[in-house]
Amino acid sequence: MFDHSLTAKRIFLNIFGLAIAGLFLSATLSAIAASQDPSERQKALDLYESNNFAAALPLLEKLAEANPNDPAILSRLGFAIYATSATEKDPAVRKQMRGRARSMLLRSRSLGDDSNLTTMALDSLSAPDASEIPFSDIKAAEAAIREGEGAFVRGDMDKAIAAYKRALDLDPRLYDAALYAGDAEFKKAHNSTDPQYRSDHFDAAGAWFAKAIAIDANRETAYRYWGDALDALGKSNEARDKFIEAIIAQPYIRQPYVGLTQWAQRHKVALGHPKIVPPNSSNSQGETTTPSIDPKTLNSTDGTNHWLMYDLTRVAWSKGDFFKNYPEERVYRHSLKEEAAALRMVAEFADKDLKSGKLKALEPSLAVLVKLNQDGLLESYILFARPDQGIARDYAGYRAANRDKLRRYWMDVVIIK
């Protein structure tokens, strides 16, 4: 089933707080706002923030026509068109609306909007139209979730939640129904200023997100949205954990990294993969790998001479070890097992020489490699920091048995304490 998590309303909830006004120059916005009717502008923005995109749309259209250089209005107009397109039944009209939404967002970007929100919306608009793909094969569940979508676009969160709940009751495997109910609870909490109300509905959102995760633990969206809810409650560590789970669920797409990146920015936490770059180079052509050795590494005193083992190991894999380890495959590819074997060979030889006293110290990145190997995090490092198309094919199998190591890699290595 196509992942509907990037339909219009999901994108509005991708970023904690849903605030994008701060992404634009305040002086520019002040000058633009002065040329518009302040009450009309505020009404449009209030309707937009309350998720009533249908009512906000005509006001945003009028404001954008009056001042086509207002990035805040253009971005919201683009999102509102996109959101309402999801409920348009005529495919031709919906296609036209999506095209116009994209034009508005591109115009907003050209005027200074470089937000993740706009980037993700544009990515989604470049993908196939999810509205044409059913959420469920059960007709009654499909009708219910579409009813919920319509209520959400009108800003009626209670009706939306009731419809999503009905859809999930009719189709207990309908991840999107649980996810969207959580979205609606999140929006109710976000729009309130009452502390207890906010807490209750952020918690309710989390309960729905937990149901979505129970249906499919390897989709990232519910983890990320749950992280937003937890951070809004001031539970920053719990939020961090959910953002990490989102990455573990789907590490090879853009969306899951938004949550942890913005969490780190909010809490002034540095993130970074270790930089480990073999000094030699290996070129793979078909089923043969040939190394190109940097002579400077051969007589080193810091362990870099052991990088020769990396290249020799990879050559051996291309000549036969791959097929011993992956007997069901007929064409050589760069694999997780190969990269781990090659890096582990370097780490183990370097560590042995250091412990024996042959070396007084290791080159810094080589010392990091040794530590990753000692901590059992070498494969995690490869999968997250050094993946290519071949290695990525091994991710799901490794995750199934080693989710704890993947978590530890992010907690102990990427999050710089």
Foldseek 3Di string as FASTA:
>chain_A
DDDPCLQLLNLCLLDQLSDQPVQADPVVQVVLCVQDDVVLVVVLVVCLLLLQLVVSQVSLVVSCVSPVLNLVSLLSNLSSLRLVLLLDPDPVVSLVSLVVSLVSLVSSVVNRRPDPSSVSNNVVSVDPDCSVPFLDPDVQLSVLQSQLSVCSNNSNLVSNLVSLVVSCVVPVLRLVSLQVNLSSLCSQLSPDPDLVSNLVSLVVSLVSLVSSCVSPQLAQSSLLSNLSSCVVNVNLVSSLLSLLSSCLSPVPDDSSVNRNVVSCVVVVWAFDAQDDDQPKDWDDDWLAIDIGDDVVQCPDQALSNLLVQLRVLLRVCSVPVVCVVVVVDDTDDDELVSNLVSLVSSLVVNVVCCVVVSHVHHDVSSVVSNVCVVVVQNSLSCCNPPDDPHHVVCSVVCCVPPVVSNSCCRVPGGGDD
